[in-house]
Every structure is written in structure tokens, then in C-alpha cells.
N, C-alpha and C. Protein backbone atom coordinates (compact mmCIF):
# COMPACT_ATOMS: atom_id res chain seq x y z
N MET A 1 3.63 2.39 -44.37
CA MET A 1 3.85 2.14 -43.06
C MET A 1 5.00 3.59 -42.55
N ALA A 2 5.73 3.81 -41.54
CA ALA A 2 6.40 5.39 -41.90
C ALA A 2 8.02 5.08 -40.54
N GLY A 3 8.23 3.55 -40.51
CA GLY A 3 9.50 3.31 -39.69
C GLY A 3 8.96 1.92 -39.68
N GLY A 4 10.73 1.58 -39.28
CA GLY A 4 10.90 -0.64 -39.02
C GLY A 4 11.56 -1.01 -38.17
N VAL A 5 12.05 -1.52 -38.23
CA VAL A 5 13.01 -1.37 -37.18
C VAL A 5 13.84 -3.16 -38.07
N TYR A 6 14.99 -2.43 -37.72
CA TYR A 6 15.83 -2.81 -39.07
C TYR A 6 17.05 -3.86 -37.80
N ARG A 7 17.33 -5.10 -38.05
CA ARG A 7 19.27 -5.76 -37.42
C ARG A 7 20.52 -5.53 -38.06
N TRP A 8 20.78 -5.55 -37.11
CA TRP A 8 22.29 -5.47 -37.57
C TRP A 8 23.21 -6.39 -36.17
N SER A 9 24.69 -6.84 -37.08
CA SER A 9 25.46 -7.27 -36.46
C SER A 9 26.64 -6.73 -37.64
N PRO A 10 27.56 -6.93 -36.45
CA PRO A 10 29.21 -5.95 -36.72
C PRO A 10 29.48 -7.43 -37.71
N GLY A 11 29.87 -6.53 -39.07
CA GLY A 11 30.50 -7.57 -39.91
C GLY A 11 29.22 -7.96 -41.03
N SER A 12 27.80 -6.82 -40.74
CA SER A 12 26.87 -7.93 -41.45
C SER A 12 26.36 -6.21 -42.45
N GLU A 13 24.89 -6.89 -43.29
CA GLU A 13 24.07 -5.26 -43.61
C GLU A 13 22.98 -5.28 -42.83
N LEU A 14 22.70 -4.14 -42.63
CA LEU A 14 21.24 -4.67 -41.79
C LEU A 14 20.02 -5.11 -42.35
N ILE A 15 19.32 -5.47 -42.03
CA ILE A 15 18.60 -6.00 -42.57
C ILE A 15 16.91 -6.16 -41.90
N LEU A 16 15.47 -5.45 -42.90
CA LEU A 16 14.78 -4.61 -42.12
C LEU A 16 14.08 -6.29 -41.99
N ILE A 17 13.47 -6.38 -40.63
CA ILE A 17 12.08 -7.06 -39.72
C ILE A 17 11.00 -7.40 -40.25
N GLU A 18 11.51 -8.40 -40.33
CA GLU A 18 9.41 -8.94 -41.42
C GLU A 18 8.02 -8.23 -40.54
N ALA A 19 7.56 -7.75 -40.56
CA ALA A 19 6.28 -7.46 -40.13
C ALA A 19 6.47 -5.57 -38.83
N SER A 20 7.37 -5.36 -38.98
CA SER A 20 8.06 -4.76 -37.93
C SER A 20 7.30 -2.88 -38.54
N GLY A 21 7.18 -3.45 -39.41
CA GLY A 21 6.55 -1.66 -40.09
C GLY A 21 5.28 -1.39 -39.22
N GLY A 22 5.99 0.23 -38.98
CA GLY A 22 4.70 1.10 -38.05
C GLY A 22 4.18 2.56 -38.12
N SER A 23 3.47 3.34 -37.65
CA SER A 23 3.51 4.47 -38.14
C SER A 23 4.12 5.11 -36.60
N ALA A 24 5.22 6.00 -36.85
CA ALA A 24 5.75 6.17 -36.08
C ALA A 24 6.54 5.39 -35.33
N PRO A 25 7.80 4.71 -35.39
CA PRO A 25 7.80 3.96 -33.82
C PRO A 25 8.78 4.93 -34.17
N ASN A 26 8.85 4.01 -32.24
CA ASN A 26 9.51 5.56 -31.25
C ASN A 26 10.58 5.31 -29.65
N GLY A 27 10.79 4.09 -29.81
CA GLY A 27 10.93 3.42 -28.59
C GLY A 27 11.38 1.69 -28.91
N ILE A 28 12.33 1.77 -28.53
CA ILE A 28 12.98 -0.33 -29.36
C ILE A 28 13.23 -0.39 -28.02
N VAL A 29 13.06 -1.53 -27.86
CA VAL A 29 14.04 -2.77 -26.53
C VAL A 29 14.20 -3.90 -26.83
N VAL A 30 14.92 -4.78 -26.73
CA VAL A 30 15.11 -6.40 -27.50
C VAL A 30 14.92 -7.07 -25.86
N GLY A 31 14.78 -8.53 -25.99
CA GLY A 31 13.66 -8.62 -24.78
C GLY A 31 15.27 -9.32 -24.23
N PRO A 32 15.07 -10.03 -22.93
CA PRO A 32 16.73 -10.20 -22.07
C PRO A 32 16.88 -11.87 -23.29
N ASP A 33 15.45 -12.17 -23.83
CA ASP A 33 16.04 -13.86 -24.47
C ASP A 33 16.92 -13.48 -25.28
N GLU A 34 17.02 -12.30 -26.22
CA GLU A 34 17.27 -11.50 -27.48
C GLU A 34 16.79 -11.90 -28.45
N LYS A 35 15.53 -12.87 -28.05
CA LYS A 35 14.23 -13.09 -29.33
C LYS A 35 12.84 -12.27 -29.81
N TYR A 36 13.40 -11.27 -29.35
CA TYR A 36 11.30 -10.21 -29.75
C TYR A 36 12.29 -9.05 -28.72
N ALA A 37 12.17 -8.05 -30.15
CA ALA A 37 12.25 -6.57 -29.53
C ALA A 37 10.44 -6.46 -29.29
N TYR A 38 10.77 -4.60 -28.93
CA TYR A 38 9.50 -4.88 -28.20
C TYR A 38 9.83 -3.53 -28.22
N VAL A 39 8.51 -2.52 -29.53
CA VAL A 39 8.19 -1.74 -30.05
C VAL A 39 7.41 -0.39 -29.40
N ALA A 40 7.78 0.55 -28.82
CA ALA A 40 6.47 1.70 -28.84
C ALA A 40 6.36 2.75 -30.45
N GLU A 41 4.81 2.27 -30.98
CA GLU A 41 4.93 2.34 -32.01
C GLU A 41 3.75 3.77 -31.76
N TRP A 42 4.64 4.87 -32.32
CA TRP A 42 3.98 6.43 -30.62
C TRP A 42 2.49 6.89 -31.73
N GLY A 43 2.31 5.97 -33.51
CA GLY A 43 1.39 7.09 -34.52
C GLY A 43 0.39 6.23 -34.33
N GLU A 44 0.02 5.09 -33.57
CA GLU A 44 -0.84 4.19 -33.59
C GLU A 44 -1.82 4.01 -31.65
N SER A 45 -0.26 4.83 -30.81
CA SER A 45 -1.02 4.18 -29.35
C SER A 45 -0.74 2.77 -29.27
N ARG A 46 0.14 2.00 -29.51
CA ARG A 46 0.53 1.00 -29.12
C ARG A 46 1.92 0.66 -29.68
N VAL A 47 1.72 -0.98 -28.03
CA VAL A 47 3.48 -1.51 -28.27
C VAL A 47 3.12 -2.06 -29.19
N TYR A 48 4.64 -2.76 -29.89
CA TYR A 48 3.89 -4.43 -30.71
C TYR A 48 5.82 -5.09 -30.04
N ARG A 49 5.09 -6.76 -30.74
CA ARG A 49 6.00 -7.93 -30.62
C ARG A 49 6.57 -7.85 -31.81
N VAL A 50 7.36 -7.84 -31.95
CA VAL A 50 7.94 -8.77 -33.37
C VAL A 50 9.42 -9.64 -32.88
N ALA A 51 9.40 -10.59 -33.56
CA ALA A 51 10.71 -11.79 -33.33
C ALA A 51 11.48 -11.09 -34.05
N LEU A 52 12.83 -11.42 -33.99
CA LEU A 52 14.06 -11.32 -33.97
C LEU A 52 14.60 -11.65 -35.45
N ASP A 53 14.05 -13.39 -35.47
CA ASP A 53 13.96 -14.29 -35.88
C ASP A 53 13.15 -14.33 -37.63
N PRO A 54 13.26 -14.26 -38.76
CA PRO A 54 11.92 -14.25 -39.28
C PRO A 54 11.12 -16.31 -39.24
N GLY A 55 10.13 -16.98 -39.17
CA GLY A 55 9.53 -17.91 -38.94
C GLY A 55 9.05 -18.13 -37.12
N ALA A 56 9.87 -16.87 -36.88
CA ALA A 56 9.34 -17.49 -35.10
C ALA A 56 7.83 -17.12 -34.57
N ASP A 57 7.77 -17.84 -33.30
CA ASP A 57 6.14 -18.28 -33.24
C ASP A 57 5.85 -17.21 -33.16
N GLN A 58 4.73 -16.22 -32.84
CA GLN A 58 3.84 -15.07 -32.15
C GLN A 58 4.68 -14.08 -32.67
N ALA A 59 5.05 -14.07 -34.63
CA ALA A 59 6.10 -13.11 -34.71
C ALA A 59 5.58 -11.88 -34.32
N TRP A 60 4.58 -11.10 -34.37
CA TRP A 60 3.26 -9.26 -34.44
C TRP A 60 2.98 -9.71 -33.28
N VAL A 61 2.34 -8.99 -31.71
CA VAL A 61 1.70 -9.34 -31.50
C VAL A 61 1.25 -7.93 -30.55
N ALA A 62 0.40 -7.65 -29.97
CA ALA A 62 0.19 -5.93 -30.09
C ALA A 62 -0.73 -5.76 -28.77
N VAL A 63 0.10 -4.35 -28.15
CA VAL A 63 -1.48 -4.30 -26.98
C VAL A 63 -1.73 -2.55 -26.89
N ASP A 64 -2.73 -2.04 -27.24
CA ASP A 64 -2.95 -0.49 -27.29
C ASP A 64 -2.82 -0.11 -26.42
N LEU A 65 -2.39 1.30 -26.08
CA LEU A 65 -2.65 2.07 -25.01
C LEU A 65 -3.69 3.15 -25.38
N ARG A 66 -4.04 3.81 -24.13
CA ARG A 66 -4.62 5.39 -24.01
C ARG A 66 -3.79 6.22 -24.64
N HIS A 67 -2.34 6.30 -25.02
CA HIS A 67 -1.24 6.99 -25.08
C HIS A 67 -0.38 6.99 -26.26
N ALA A 68 0.38 7.86 -26.86
CA ALA A 68 1.59 7.78 -27.59
C ALA A 68 1.84 7.24 -26.36
N PRO A 69 2.61 6.39 -26.38
CA PRO A 69 4.04 5.70 -26.04
C PRO A 69 5.89 6.05 -26.81
N ASP A 70 6.28 6.37 -25.31
CA ASP A 70 7.36 7.11 -25.88
C ASP A 70 9.06 6.45 -26.00
N ASN A 71 8.71 6.24 -25.15
CA ASN A 71 9.48 5.58 -24.09
C ASN A 71 9.67 3.82 -23.65
N LEU A 72 10.67 2.95 -23.07
CA LEU A 72 10.82 2.42 -23.31
C LEU A 72 11.71 1.45 -22.29
N THR A 73 11.60 0.62 -20.95
CA THR A 73 12.56 0.27 -20.06
C THR A 73 11.93 -1.79 -19.72
N TRP A 74 13.08 -1.85 -19.35
CA TRP A 74 12.75 -3.28 -18.47
C TRP A 74 12.75 -2.76 -16.33
N THR A 75 11.93 -3.42 -16.30
CA THR A 75 12.01 -3.37 -14.48
C THR A 75 12.69 -4.30 -14.40
N ALA A 76 13.25 -4.54 -12.72
CA ALA A 76 13.90 -6.02 -12.43
C ALA A 76 13.17 -6.74 -12.83
N GLU A 77 11.76 -6.80 -12.25
CA GLU A 77 11.95 -8.24 -12.38
C GLU A 77 10.76 -8.46 -13.70
N GLY A 78 11.36 -8.01 -14.73
CA GLY A 78 11.27 -8.21 -16.06
C GLY A 78 9.45 -7.74 -16.99
N GLN A 79 9.25 -6.47 -16.23
CA GLN A 79 8.21 -6.24 -16.81
C GLN A 79 8.82 -5.32 -17.51
N LEU A 80 7.55 -4.62 -18.57
CA LEU A 80 8.13 -3.17 -19.58
C LEU A 80 6.88 -2.62 -18.81
N LEU A 81 8.16 -1.13 -19.09
CA LEU A 81 7.58 -0.14 -18.67
C LEU A 81 7.81 0.82 -19.74
N VAL A 82 6.16 1.67 -19.84
CA VAL A 82 5.85 2.39 -21.58
C VAL A 82 5.32 3.48 -20.71
N ALA A 83 5.89 4.89 -21.00
CA ALA A 83 5.90 6.40 -20.49
C ALA A 83 5.21 7.27 -21.78
N GLY A 84 4.50 7.69 -22.48
CA GLY A 84 4.26 8.45 -23.27
C GLY A 84 3.26 9.66 -22.92
N GLN A 85 3.28 10.41 -24.68
CA GLN A 85 1.53 11.74 -23.94
C GLN A 85 0.45 11.17 -24.72
N ALA A 86 0.22 11.96 -23.59
CA ALA A 86 -1.74 11.73 -24.03
C ALA A 86 -2.43 12.85 -24.46
N GLY A 87 -3.40 13.26 -25.19
CA GLY A 87 -4.41 14.33 -25.50
C GLY A 87 -3.55 14.28 -27.04
N GLY A 88 -2.87 13.25 -27.97
CA GLY A 88 -2.74 13.35 -29.09
C GLY A 88 -1.85 14.33 -29.91
N VAL A 89 -2.52 13.98 -31.57
CA VAL A 89 -0.16 14.79 -32.07
C VAL A 89 -0.70 16.17 -31.47
N ARG A 90 -1.55 16.88 -31.75
CA ARG A 90 -1.90 17.96 -31.47
C ARG A 90 -0.99 18.40 -30.69
N SER A 91 -1.00 18.18 -29.40
CA SER A 91 -0.92 18.95 -27.81
C SER A 91 0.61 18.48 -28.10
N ALA A 92 1.28 17.34 -28.59
CA ALA A 92 2.73 17.06 -28.03
C ALA A 92 2.90 18.40 -28.91
N LEU A 93 2.50 18.39 -30.81
CA LEU A 93 3.20 18.73 -31.23
C LEU A 93 2.90 20.06 -30.98
N GLY A 94 2.77 21.05 -30.06
CA GLY A 94 2.37 22.29 -29.76
C GLY A 94 3.11 22.44 -28.32
N CYS A 95 3.64 21.01 -27.78
CA CYS A 95 4.89 22.08 -26.78
C CYS A 95 6.09 22.28 -27.66
N GLY A 96 6.26 21.64 -28.70
CA GLY A 96 7.27 22.62 -29.13
C GLY A 96 7.45 23.64 -29.78
N GLN A 97 6.47 24.94 -29.47
CA GLN A 97 6.71 25.98 -29.23
C GLN A 97 6.54 26.74 -28.05
N VAL A 98 6.35 25.88 -26.66
CA VAL A 98 6.69 26.33 -25.50
C VAL A 98 8.26 26.73 -25.40
N GLU A 99 8.52 28.00 -25.19
CA GLU A 99 9.94 28.71 -25.40
C GLU A 99 10.15 28.88 -23.82
N ARG A 100 9.67 29.38 -23.10
CA ARG A 100 9.65 29.20 -21.31
C ARG A 100 9.00 28.18 -20.24
N GLY A 101 9.57 27.94 -19.48
CA GLY A 101 8.95 27.91 -18.77
C GLY A 101 8.25 25.85 -19.11
N GLY A 102 7.35 24.28 -18.30
CA GLY A 102 7.27 23.60 -19.00
C GLY A 102 5.67 23.84 -19.70
N CYS A 103 5.55 22.06 -20.43
CA CYS A 103 4.66 21.99 -20.68
C CYS A 103 3.23 21.18 -20.47
N ALA A 104 2.38 20.95 -20.10
CA ALA A 104 1.55 21.58 -19.72
C ALA A 104 0.63 19.76 -20.56
N LEU A 105 1.33 18.92 -20.57
CA LEU A 105 0.72 17.80 -21.64
C LEU A 105 1.03 16.68 -21.15
N ASP A 106 0.29 16.34 -21.07
CA ASP A 106 -1.21 14.96 -19.73
C ASP A 106 0.57 13.43 -20.52
N PHE A 107 0.55 13.07 -19.72
CA PHE A 107 1.76 11.46 -20.03
C PHE A 107 1.26 9.97 -18.70
N GLY A 108 1.33 9.38 -19.23
CA GLY A 108 0.90 8.64 -18.52
C GLY A 108 1.94 7.12 -18.83
N VAL A 109 1.89 5.80 -17.37
CA VAL A 109 2.55 5.43 -17.94
C VAL A 109 3.01 3.64 -17.17
N TYR A 110 2.63 2.86 -18.56
CA TYR A 110 2.06 2.00 -18.40
C TYR A 110 3.32 0.15 -18.39
N ARG A 111 2.43 -1.01 -17.36
CA ARG A 111 3.47 -1.94 -16.81
C ARG A 111 2.79 -2.60 -17.94
N ILE A 112 3.57 -3.29 -19.09
CA ILE A 112 2.73 -5.05 -19.82
C ILE A 112 3.68 -5.47 -19.46
N ASP A 113 3.33 -7.31 -19.69
CA ASP A 113 3.71 -7.98 -19.27
C ASP A 113 3.74 -9.08 -20.46
N PRO A 114 5.42 -8.80 -21.01
CA PRO A 114 6.45 -9.37 -21.86
C PRO A 114 5.54 -11.09 -22.86
N GLN A 115 4.97 -11.71 -21.20
CA GLN A 115 4.89 -13.03 -21.81
C GLN A 115 3.08 -12.67 -22.51
N SER A 116 2.39 -11.78 -22.08
CA SER A 116 0.45 -12.12 -22.36
C SER A 116 0.87 -10.92 -23.31
N MET A 117 1.83 -10.02 -23.00
CA MET A 117 0.92 -8.88 -23.83
C MET A 117 -0.01 -7.14 -23.39
N GLN A 118 0.09 -8.15 -22.19
CA GLN A 118 -0.83 -6.54 -21.63
C GLN A 118 -0.17 -5.95 -20.29
N ALA A 119 -1.40 -4.99 -20.76
CA ALA A 119 -1.54 -3.81 -19.60
C ALA A 119 -1.62 -3.52 -19.00
């Protein structure tokens, strides 16, 4: 595990959410009902849903993607948009060496249904 999801409320301590560990989690949003968090797991090229309260139904569900997810946002229709880089770790890290111009790193955007977790 290289990271995880923590829950915090004013006046309380940080609490690690059960089963939220992952490989380079890099982006998180909470669902409109505040029952689940959706996490972009960059290192495993997937997005997973984790219940914020212990013992909730369907506590952990994932969808595999063809890119390393990096950013998450909600659409007006309640779908999850997930942007990320294609080409693997070496390609993505190589962009850090670019001093001028842009990086020719391929990317993709997925739309995920938060109920079915289908991309």
C-alpha cells in the first residue's frame, strides 16, 4: 500500500477508511450522497469506490482503465469524469524533464457510472 483515504471532521481525528489503500492514489471525490469516495488509483490504472462508513454494502468496487487516472470530477448528469495519462510510468515521469514546450504524453478521459462502476 502506498496511500489511502482518510476521513476527517472538524473536532475529530483522521480516520483511515477500511480497505482504502492503493498504489499511488491520485485524485478523490465524494459522491453526492456522501456515502462513498471515488479514488483515482494511478499506480494500478483504475478507479475504486470505497464506503466512507464501516460495514456499508459494496464497500469496495473498482473499474480498470486503459490509462493512469489522475483527476476526477462530476458531470451535471451525475456521471464521474476521469482524466489520465496513457503510456506508462516512464512516459509520464519523462515529462518532468521537459524544459520548454509541451509534453507529448497521450491522455484519455473516461465517463464512469457511479452506481454500476462501468466505464
